[in-house]
Amino acid sequence: MSDTYNPKELEYEQTRGALKIISKYNFGVAIDTKSDLVLRDLDLLKEINKKNNVIIKFTITTPHDDLSKIIEPRLEAIKKLTDNGIYAGIMLNPVLPFITDKEEDIKYLVKLAHEHGAKFIHTYMGVTLRENQRDYYYEKLDKYFPNIKEKYINYYKNSYNLLKKNI
């Protein structure tokens, strides 16, 4: 899985090329991204939107200030897209237990989404971990969130679906 607007898109413009073909044949488009580079193609998105449906889904999982440099461009992109008649919103997933699942943070992110014109919020209140992902994820927990791994192990054991629980 890769972001439609990954860093190589600046150089190769494959997504832009695909949007030209989509427009030519009057198809609609749904784009999942973490990048405000989508705004580069606003002209094509507006063109497609005149003929069919366009939906832009931005992954935003936390409103924390230390991450604002990451999420702020996405919120501004949502604002610009919706101001131009494009249906755009937030994919609030995954919501990571013990990390990004605080009720006040989620409420604040919902408020920010509303203030920036988001038309929807799609969420999955948890994370899934396959066996081969679990070791990698736990390694990152140890590195960035000491002592959280033990909570995961004690609470979720070897579950595939790690859903938010009231703790």
N, C-alpha and C. Protein backbone atom coordinates (compact mmCIF):
# COMPACT_ATOMS: atom_id res chain seq x y z
N MET A 1 0.85 -1.17 0.00
CA MET A 1 0.00 0.00 0.00
C MET A 1 0.89 1.23 0.00
N SER A 2 0.54 2.19 -0.80
CA SER A 2 1.33 3.40 -0.90
C SER A 2 0.41 4.61 -1.02
N ASP A 3 0.87 5.71 -0.53
CA ASP A 3 0.13 6.96 -0.64
C ASP A 3 0.11 7.39 -2.11
N THR A 4 -1.05 7.77 -2.58
CA THR A 4 -1.19 8.26 -3.95
C THR A 4 -0.26 9.43 -4.22
N TYR A 5 -0.08 10.26 -3.23
CA TYR A 5 0.78 11.44 -3.35
C TYR A 5 2.05 11.26 -2.54
N ASN A 6 2.79 10.19 -2.84
CA ASN A 6 4.07 9.96 -2.17
C ASN A 6 5.12 10.91 -2.75
N PRO A 7 6.28 11.02 -2.13
CA PRO A 7 7.29 12.00 -2.58
C PRO A 7 7.70 11.87 -4.05
N LYS A 8 7.67 10.68 -4.59
CA LYS A 8 8.05 10.48 -6.00
C LYS A 8 7.03 11.09 -6.96
N GLU A 9 5.82 11.34 -6.47
CA GLU A 9 4.79 11.95 -7.32
C GLU A 9 5.21 13.32 -7.81
N LEU A 10 5.99 14.03 -7.03
CA LEU A 10 6.51 15.34 -7.47
C LEU A 10 7.31 15.20 -8.76
N GLU A 11 8.08 14.15 -8.83
CA GLU A 11 8.96 13.93 -9.99
C GLU A 11 8.23 13.27 -11.17
N TYR A 12 7.45 12.23 -10.89
CA TYR A 12 6.88 11.43 -11.97
C TYR A 12 5.46 11.80 -12.39
N GLU A 13 4.71 12.44 -11.53
CA GLU A 13 3.34 12.89 -11.82
C GLU A 13 2.44 11.78 -12.36
N GLN A 14 2.59 10.58 -11.82
CA GLN A 14 1.75 9.46 -12.25
C GLN A 14 0.30 9.65 -11.83
N THR A 15 0.09 10.16 -10.64
CA THR A 15 -1.29 10.40 -10.20
C THR A 15 -1.94 11.45 -11.07
N ARG A 16 -1.21 12.50 -11.38
CA ARG A 16 -1.76 13.54 -12.26
C ARG A 16 -2.12 12.94 -13.62
N GLY A 17 -1.26 12.11 -14.15
CA GLY A 17 -1.54 11.44 -15.42
C GLY A 17 -2.79 10.57 -15.34
N ALA A 18 -2.92 9.84 -14.24
CA ALA A 18 -4.10 8.99 -14.05
C ALA A 18 -5.36 9.85 -13.96
N LEU A 19 -5.28 10.97 -13.28
CA LEU A 19 -6.44 11.86 -13.17
C LEU A 19 -6.86 12.41 -14.53
N LYS A 20 -5.92 12.67 -15.40
CA LYS A 20 -6.25 13.12 -16.76
C LYS A 20 -7.05 12.05 -17.50
N ILE A 21 -6.64 10.80 -17.36
CA ILE A 21 -7.36 9.70 -18.01
C ILE A 21 -8.74 9.52 -17.37
N ILE A 22 -8.80 9.57 -16.05
CA ILE A 22 -10.07 9.46 -15.34
C ILE A 22 -11.04 10.54 -15.83
N SER A 23 -10.55 11.76 -15.98
CA SER A 23 -11.39 12.85 -16.45
C SER A 23 -11.84 12.63 -17.90
N LYS A 24 -10.91 12.20 -18.72
CA LYS A 24 -11.21 11.97 -20.15
C LYS A 24 -12.38 10.99 -20.33
N TYR A 25 -12.42 9.96 -19.49
CA TYR A 25 -13.44 8.93 -19.62
C TYR A 25 -14.60 9.10 -18.64
N ASN A 26 -14.66 10.27 -18.00
CA ASN A 26 -15.79 10.65 -17.15
C ASN A 26 -16.01 9.75 -15.93
N PHE A 27 -14.94 9.19 -15.41
CA PHE A 27 -15.04 8.41 -14.19
C PHE A 27 -14.97 9.34 -12.99
N GLY A 28 -15.37 8.83 -11.84
CA GLY A 28 -15.16 9.51 -10.57
C GLY A 28 -13.88 8.98 -9.95
N VAL A 29 -13.50 9.57 -8.82
CA VAL A 29 -12.26 9.15 -8.18
C VAL A 29 -12.36 9.31 -6.67
N ALA A 30 -11.74 8.36 -5.96
CA ALA A 30 -11.59 8.44 -4.51
C ALA A 30 -10.10 8.33 -4.22
N ILE A 31 -9.57 9.29 -3.49
CA ILE A 31 -8.14 9.33 -3.20
C ILE A 31 -7.93 9.31 -1.70
N ASP A 32 -7.05 8.41 -1.25
CA ASP A 32 -6.61 8.35 0.15
C ASP A 32 -5.19 8.90 0.18
N THR A 33 -4.91 9.85 1.07
CA THR A 33 -3.57 10.44 1.11
C THR A 33 -3.25 10.99 2.48
N LYS A 34 -1.97 11.22 2.69
CA LYS A 34 -1.49 11.93 3.87
C LYS A 34 -0.82 13.24 3.46
N SER A 35 -0.95 13.59 2.19
CA SER A 35 -0.19 14.71 1.64
C SER A 35 -1.09 15.83 1.10
N ASP A 36 -0.66 17.06 1.34
CA ASP A 36 -1.38 18.19 0.75
C ASP A 36 -0.98 18.41 -0.71
N LEU A 37 -0.10 17.57 -1.25
CA LEU A 37 0.27 17.65 -2.68
C LEU A 37 -0.95 17.47 -3.57
N VAL A 38 -2.01 16.89 -3.04
CA VAL A 38 -3.24 16.74 -3.79
C VAL A 38 -3.72 18.08 -4.34
N LEU A 39 -3.39 19.17 -3.65
CA LEU A 39 -3.82 20.50 -4.12
C LEU A 39 -3.21 20.87 -5.47
N ARG A 40 -2.07 20.29 -5.79
CA ARG A 40 -1.45 20.54 -7.09
C ARG A 40 -2.42 20.17 -8.22
N ASP A 41 -3.27 19.17 -7.97
CA ASP A 41 -4.17 18.66 -8.99
C ASP A 41 -5.60 19.16 -8.83
N LEU A 42 -5.76 20.25 -8.10
CA LEU A 42 -7.09 20.79 -7.88
C LEU A 42 -7.82 21.07 -9.19
N ASP A 43 -7.10 21.54 -10.20
CA ASP A 43 -7.73 21.82 -11.49
C ASP A 43 -8.37 20.56 -12.08
N LEU A 44 -7.68 19.44 -12.03
CA LEU A 44 -8.22 18.19 -12.55
C LEU A 44 -9.35 17.65 -11.67
N LEU A 45 -9.20 17.78 -10.37
CA LEU A 45 -10.24 17.32 -9.46
C LEU A 45 -11.54 18.09 -9.68
N LYS A 46 -11.44 19.39 -9.91
CA LYS A 46 -12.62 20.20 -10.20
C LYS A 46 -13.25 19.78 -11.53
N GLU A 47 -12.41 19.49 -12.50
CA GLU A 47 -12.89 19.04 -13.81
C GLU A 47 -13.63 17.71 -13.69
N ILE A 48 -13.06 16.78 -12.97
CA ILE A 48 -13.70 15.48 -12.75
C ILE A 48 -14.99 15.66 -11.97
N ASN A 49 -14.97 16.52 -10.97
CA ASN A 49 -16.13 16.75 -10.11
C ASN A 49 -17.33 17.30 -10.88
N LYS A 50 -17.10 17.96 -11.98
CA LYS A 50 -18.20 18.47 -12.81
C LYS A 50 -18.94 17.33 -13.50
N LYS A 51 -18.24 16.19 -13.69
CA LYS A 51 -18.80 15.07 -14.45
C LYS A 51 -19.17 13.87 -13.59
N ASN A 52 -18.53 13.74 -12.44
CA ASN A 52 -18.72 12.56 -11.61
C ASN A 52 -18.28 12.88 -10.18
N ASN A 53 -18.30 11.89 -9.31
CA ASN A 53 -17.97 12.10 -7.91
C ASN A 53 -16.46 12.12 -7.65
N VAL A 54 -16.06 13.00 -6.74
CA VAL A 54 -14.68 13.06 -6.25
C VAL A 54 -14.74 13.04 -4.73
N ILE A 55 -13.92 12.19 -4.13
CA ILE A 55 -13.81 12.18 -2.67
C ILE A 55 -12.34 12.07 -2.32
N ILE A 56 -11.90 12.95 -1.44
CA ILE A 56 -10.51 12.97 -0.97
C ILE A 56 -10.53 12.66 0.51
N LYS A 57 -9.74 11.65 0.92
CA LYS A 57 -9.70 11.19 2.31
C LYS A 57 -8.29 11.36 2.84
N PHE A 58 -8.14 12.22 3.83
CA PHE A 58 -6.85 12.47 4.46
C PHE A 58 -6.71 11.67 5.75
N THR A 59 -5.59 11.00 5.91
CA THR A 59 -5.31 10.31 7.17
C THR A 59 -4.80 11.34 8.17
N ILE A 60 -5.57 11.52 9.23
CA ILE A 60 -5.18 12.40 10.35
C ILE A 60 -5.62 11.67 11.61
N THR A 61 -4.68 11.39 12.51
CA THR A 61 -5.03 10.57 13.66
C THR A 61 -4.85 11.25 15.01
N THR A 62 -4.31 12.47 15.03
CA THR A 62 -4.10 13.14 16.32
C THR A 62 -4.05 14.65 16.13
N PRO A 63 -4.55 15.41 17.10
CA PRO A 63 -4.48 16.87 17.02
C PRO A 63 -3.33 17.47 17.82
N HIS A 64 -2.42 16.66 18.34
CA HIS A 64 -1.38 17.17 19.22
C HIS A 64 -0.51 18.24 18.56
N ASP A 65 -0.19 19.27 19.33
CA ASP A 65 0.60 20.38 18.82
C ASP A 65 1.93 19.97 18.23
N ASP A 66 2.60 18.97 18.85
CA ASP A 66 3.90 18.56 18.34
C ASP A 66 3.79 17.92 16.97
N LEU A 67 2.58 17.57 16.58
CA LEU A 67 2.36 17.00 15.25
C LEU A 67 1.70 18.00 14.31
N SER A 68 1.51 19.22 14.77
CA SER A 68 0.77 20.19 13.95
C SER A 68 1.44 20.47 12.61
N LYS A 69 2.76 20.42 12.58
CA LYS A 69 3.45 20.65 11.30
C LYS A 69 3.11 19.56 10.29
N ILE A 70 2.69 18.40 10.80
CA ILE A 70 2.30 17.31 9.92
C ILE A 70 0.84 17.42 9.53
N ILE A 71 -0.03 17.64 10.52
CA ILE A 71 -1.46 17.62 10.21
C ILE A 71 -1.99 18.95 9.69
N GLU A 72 -1.39 20.07 10.06
CA GLU A 72 -1.94 21.36 9.64
C GLU A 72 -2.04 21.49 8.11
N PRO A 73 -1.01 21.09 7.35
CA PRO A 73 -1.18 21.18 5.89
C PRO A 73 -2.35 20.34 5.38
N ARG A 74 -2.62 19.24 6.01
CA ARG A 74 -3.74 18.40 5.60
C ARG A 74 -5.07 19.08 5.89
N LEU A 75 -5.19 19.70 7.07
CA LEU A 75 -6.42 20.41 7.40
C LEU A 75 -6.63 21.58 6.46
N GLU A 76 -5.57 22.30 6.16
CA GLU A 76 -5.68 23.41 5.21
C GLU A 76 -6.05 22.91 3.82
N ALA A 77 -5.52 21.74 3.44
CA ALA A 77 -5.87 21.15 2.14
C ALA A 77 -7.35 20.78 2.11
N ILE A 78 -7.85 20.23 3.20
CA ILE A 78 -9.28 19.92 3.27
C ILE A 78 -10.10 21.18 3.07
N LYS A 79 -9.70 22.25 3.73
CA LYS A 79 -10.41 23.53 3.61
C LYS A 79 -10.43 24.02 2.16
N LYS A 80 -9.27 23.98 1.52
CA LYS A 80 -9.19 24.46 0.14
C LYS A 80 -10.01 23.59 -0.80
N LEU A 81 -9.94 22.28 -0.61
CA LEU A 81 -10.70 21.37 -1.47
C LEU A 81 -12.21 21.59 -1.29
N THR A 82 -12.68 21.62 -0.04
CA THR A 82 -14.11 21.79 0.18
C THR A 82 -14.59 23.17 -0.26
N ASP A 83 -13.74 24.18 -0.12
CA ASP A 83 -14.09 25.51 -0.62
C ASP A 83 -14.25 25.51 -2.14
N ASN A 84 -13.63 24.54 -2.81
CA ASN A 84 -13.72 24.41 -4.26
C ASN A 84 -14.70 23.32 -4.69
N GLY A 85 -15.58 22.93 -3.79
CA GLY A 85 -16.65 21.99 -4.13
C GLY A 85 -16.24 20.53 -4.15
N ILE A 86 -15.06 20.21 -3.65
CA ILE A 86 -14.60 18.82 -3.61
C ILE A 86 -14.98 18.21 -2.27
N TYR A 87 -15.52 17.02 -2.29
CA TYR A 87 -15.93 16.30 -1.08
C TYR A 87 -14.67 15.73 -0.42
N ALA A 88 -14.30 16.28 0.72
CA ALA A 88 -13.06 15.87 1.40
C ALA A 88 -13.30 15.74 2.89
N GLY A 89 -12.55 14.84 3.50
CA GLY A 89 -12.68 14.64 4.93
C GLY A 89 -11.50 13.87 5.50
N ILE A 90 -11.72 13.30 6.67
CA ILE A 90 -10.64 12.70 7.44
C ILE A 90 -10.86 11.20 7.63
N MET A 91 -9.78 10.45 7.47
CA MET A 91 -9.75 9.05 7.89
C MET A 91 -9.02 9.05 9.23
N LEU A 92 -9.76 8.90 10.29
CA LEU A 92 -9.21 8.89 11.64
C LEU A 92 -8.91 7.43 11.99
N ASN A 93 -7.91 6.90 11.32
CA ASN A 93 -7.55 5.53 11.59
C ASN A 93 -6.11 5.26 11.16
N PRO A 94 -5.45 4.41 11.91
CA PRO A 94 -5.97 3.73 13.08
C PRO A 94 -5.92 4.62 14.31
N VAL A 95 -6.81 4.35 15.23
CA VAL A 95 -6.75 4.99 16.54
C VAL A 95 -5.98 4.00 17.43
N LEU A 96 -4.81 4.41 17.87
CA LEU A 96 -3.90 3.52 18.58
C LEU A 96 -4.22 3.49 20.08
N PRO A 97 -4.59 2.31 20.60
CA PRO A 97 -4.86 2.22 22.03
C PRO A 97 -3.69 2.72 22.87
N PHE A 98 -4.01 3.48 23.90
CA PHE A 98 -3.06 4.04 24.86
C PHE A 98 -2.21 5.18 24.28
N ILE A 99 -2.38 5.50 23.01
CA ILE A 99 -1.53 6.53 22.38
C ILE A 99 -2.38 7.65 21.79
N THR A 100 -3.28 7.32 20.88
CA THR A 100 -4.09 8.36 20.22
C THR A 100 -5.58 8.18 20.50
N ASP A 101 -5.92 7.49 21.58
CA ASP A 101 -7.32 7.19 21.84
C ASP A 101 -7.94 8.01 22.98
N LYS A 102 -7.30 9.09 23.37
CA LYS A 102 -7.87 9.92 24.44
C LYS A 102 -9.12 10.65 23.92
N GLU A 103 -10.18 10.56 24.69
CA GLU A 103 -11.46 11.14 24.28
C GLU A 103 -11.33 12.63 23.96
N GLU A 104 -10.61 13.38 24.80
CA GLU A 104 -10.50 14.82 24.55
C GLU A 104 -9.74 15.11 23.26
N ASP A 105 -8.76 14.28 22.90
CA ASP A 105 -8.03 14.47 21.65
C ASP A 105 -8.91 14.20 20.44
N ILE A 106 -9.71 13.14 20.53
CA ILE A 106 -10.60 12.81 19.42
C ILE A 106 -11.66 13.90 19.25
N LYS A 107 -12.20 14.40 20.35
CA LYS A 107 -13.19 15.49 20.26
C LYS A 107 -12.57 16.74 19.65
N TYR A 108 -11.32 17.04 20.04
CA TYR A 108 -10.66 18.21 19.49
C TYR A 108 -10.39 18.04 17.99
N LEU A 109 -10.01 16.85 17.58
CA LEU A 109 -9.78 16.61 16.16
C LEU A 109 -11.09 16.73 15.37
N VAL A 110 -12.18 16.27 15.94
CA VAL A 110 -13.48 16.43 15.29
C VAL A 110 -13.80 17.92 15.14
N LYS A 111 -13.51 18.71 16.17
CA LYS A 111 -13.73 20.16 16.11
C LYS A 111 -12.88 20.78 15.00
N LEU A 112 -11.60 20.40 14.92
CA LEU A 112 -10.72 20.92 13.88
C LEU A 112 -11.22 20.53 12.49
N ALA A 113 -11.68 19.30 12.36
CA ALA A 113 -12.21 18.85 11.07
C ALA A 113 -13.39 19.72 10.65
N HIS A 114 -14.29 19.97 11.58
CA HIS A 114 -15.45 20.83 11.30
C HIS A 114 -15.01 22.24 10.90
N GLU A 115 -14.08 22.80 11.65
CA GLU A 115 -13.61 24.16 11.36
C GLU A 115 -12.93 24.26 9.99
N HIS A 116 -12.40 23.16 9.50
CA HIS A 116 -11.71 23.18 8.21
C HIS A 116 -12.58 22.63 7.08
N GLY A 117 -13.87 22.49 7.33
CA GLY A 117 -14.81 22.14 6.28
C GLY A 117 -14.88 20.67 5.92
N ALA A 118 -14.32 19.79 6.74
CA ALA A 118 -14.39 18.36 6.43
C ALA A 118 -15.85 17.93 6.32
N LYS A 119 -16.12 17.10 5.33
CA LYS A 119 -17.48 16.63 5.10
C LYS A 119 -17.76 15.30 5.78
N PHE A 120 -16.72 14.63 6.26
CA PHE A 120 -16.90 13.35 6.92
C PHE A 120 -15.68 13.03 7.78
N ILE A 121 -15.88 12.11 8.70
CA ILE A 121 -14.78 11.50 9.44
C ILE A 121 -15.06 10.01 9.44
N HIS A 122 -14.14 9.25 8.88
CA HIS A 122 -14.24 7.80 8.88
C HIS A 122 -13.23 7.29 9.89
N THR A 123 -13.64 6.38 10.76
CA THR A 123 -12.72 5.95 11.80
C THR A 123 -12.77 4.45 12.02
N TYR A 124 -11.70 3.96 12.58
CA TYR A 124 -11.60 2.59 13.07
C TYR A 124 -10.94 2.71 14.44
N MET A 125 -11.69 2.46 15.48
CA MET A 125 -11.20 2.68 16.84
C MET A 125 -10.32 1.52 17.31
N GLY A 126 -9.19 1.40 16.69
CA GLY A 126 -8.24 0.36 17.05
C GLY A 126 -7.20 0.21 15.96
N VAL A 127 -6.47 -0.88 16.05
CA VAL A 127 -5.44 -1.18 15.07
C VAL A 127 -5.43 -2.69 14.88
N THR A 128 -5.04 -3.13 13.70
CA THR A 128 -4.90 -4.57 13.48
C THR A 128 -3.42 -4.91 13.38
N LEU A 129 -3.07 -6.06 13.94
CA LEU A 129 -1.68 -6.50 13.92
C LEU A 129 -1.60 -7.96 13.50
N ARG A 130 -1.04 -8.19 12.34
CA ARG A 130 -0.71 -9.55 11.94
C ARG A 130 0.56 -9.95 12.69
N GLU A 131 0.82 -11.23 12.74
CA GLU A 131 2.00 -11.70 13.46
C GLU A 131 3.28 -10.99 13.01
N ASN A 132 3.47 -10.88 11.70
CA ASN A 132 4.71 -10.26 11.21
C ASN A 132 4.75 -8.75 11.47
N GLN A 133 3.62 -8.12 11.70
CA GLN A 133 3.59 -6.70 12.02
C GLN A 133 3.81 -6.45 13.50
N ARG A 134 3.40 -7.40 14.31
CA ARG A 134 3.42 -7.23 15.75
C ARG A 134 4.83 -6.92 16.28
N ASP A 135 5.82 -7.68 15.85
CA ASP A 135 7.20 -7.46 16.33
C ASP A 135 7.68 -6.06 15.95
N TYR A 136 7.41 -5.66 14.73
CA TYR A 136 7.82 -4.32 14.27
C TYR A 136 7.13 -3.24 15.10
N TYR A 137 5.82 -3.39 15.28
CA TYR A 137 5.05 -2.41 16.03
C TYR A 137 5.54 -2.32 17.47
N TYR A 138 5.77 -3.46 18.09
CA TYR A 138 6.25 -3.47 19.46
C TYR A 138 7.64 -2.86 19.58
N GLU A 139 8.46 -3.07 18.58
CA GLU A 139 9.79 -2.44 18.57
C GLU A 139 9.65 -0.91 18.57
N LYS A 140 8.73 -0.40 17.77
CA LYS A 140 8.50 1.04 17.71
C LYS A 140 7.89 1.56 19.01
N LEU A 141 7.02 0.77 19.61
CA LEU A 141 6.47 1.17 20.91
C LEU A 141 7.59 1.32 21.93
N ASP A 142 8.49 0.35 21.98
CA ASP A 142 9.61 0.42 22.91
C ASP A 142 10.45 1.67 22.67
N LYS A 143 10.63 2.01 21.43
CA LYS A 143 11.47 3.15 21.08
C LYS A 143 10.80 4.49 21.42
N TYR A 144 9.52 4.63 21.07
CA TYR A 144 8.86 5.93 21.20
C TYR A 144 7.91 6.05 22.39
N PHE A 145 7.42 4.93 22.89
CA PHE A 145 6.45 4.95 23.99
C PHE A 145 6.82 3.87 25.01
N PRO A 146 7.88 4.10 25.79
CA PRO A 146 8.32 3.10 26.77
C PRO A 146 7.18 2.68 27.70
N ASN A 147 7.14 1.41 28.00
CA ASN A 147 6.17 0.79 28.90
C ASN A 147 4.78 0.58 28.31
N ILE A 148 4.55 1.03 27.11
CA ILE A 148 3.24 0.83 26.49
C ILE A 148 3.12 -0.60 25.95
N LYS A 149 4.21 -1.15 25.45
CA LYS A 149 4.17 -2.51 24.90
C LYS A 149 3.60 -3.49 25.92
N GLU A 150 4.00 -3.36 27.16
CA GLU A 150 3.52 -4.27 28.20
C GLU A 150 2.00 -4.17 28.37
N LYS A 151 1.46 -2.96 28.24
CA LYS A 151 0.00 -2.79 28.32
C LYS A 151 -0.68 -3.56 27.18
N TYR A 152 -0.10 -3.43 25.96
CA TYR A 152 -0.66 -4.14 24.81
C TYR A 152 -0.63 -5.65 25.06
N ILE A 153 0.50 -6.15 25.49
CA ILE A 153 0.66 -7.59 25.71
C ILE A 153 -0.31 -8.08 26.78
N ASN A 154 -0.41 -7.37 27.88
CA ASN A 154 -1.30 -7.78 28.97
C ASN A 154 -2.77 -7.68 28.58
N TYR A 155 -3.11 -6.67 27.84
CA TYR A 155 -4.52 -6.42 27.54
C TYR A 155 -5.02 -7.18 26.32
N TYR A 156 -4.20 -7.25 25.27
CA TYR A 156 -4.65 -7.80 23.99
C TYR A 156 -4.10 -9.20 23.69
N LYS A 157 -3.09 -9.64 24.44
CA LYS A 157 -2.45 -10.94 24.19
C LYS A 157 -2.01 -10.99 22.72
N ASN A 158 -2.50 -11.97 21.96
CA ASN A 158 -2.11 -12.10 20.54
C ASN A 158 -3.26 -11.78 19.59
N SER A 159 -4.19 -10.96 20.03
CA SER A 159 -5.34 -10.61 19.19
C SER A 159 -4.90 -9.94 17.90
N TYR A 160 -5.66 -10.19 16.86
CA TYR A 160 -5.44 -9.51 15.58
C TYR A 160 -6.04 -8.10 15.62
N ASN A 161 -7.28 -8.00 16.13
CA ASN A 161 -7.94 -6.70 16.28
C ASN A 161 -7.69 -6.16 17.66
N LEU A 162 -7.04 -5.03 17.73
CA LEU A 162 -6.78 -4.37 19.01
C LEU A 162 -7.69 -3.15 19.08
N LEU A 163 -8.89 -3.38 19.51
CA LEU A 163 -9.89 -2.32 19.55
C LEU A 163 -9.76 -1.50 20.81
N LYS A 164 -10.13 -0.23 20.70
CA LYS A 164 -10.11 0.65 21.87
C LYS A 164 -11.05 0.09 22.92
N LYS A 165 -10.56 0.05 24.13
CA LYS A 165 -11.37 -0.42 25.24
C LYS A 165 -11.36 0.64 26.31
N ASN A 166 -12.43 0.72 27.05
CA ASN A 166 -12.49 1.67 28.17
C ASN A 166 -11.62 1.14 29.30
N ILE A 167 -10.53 1.84 29.55
CA ILE A 167 -9.57 1.39 30.56
C ILE A 167 -9.53 2.39 31.69
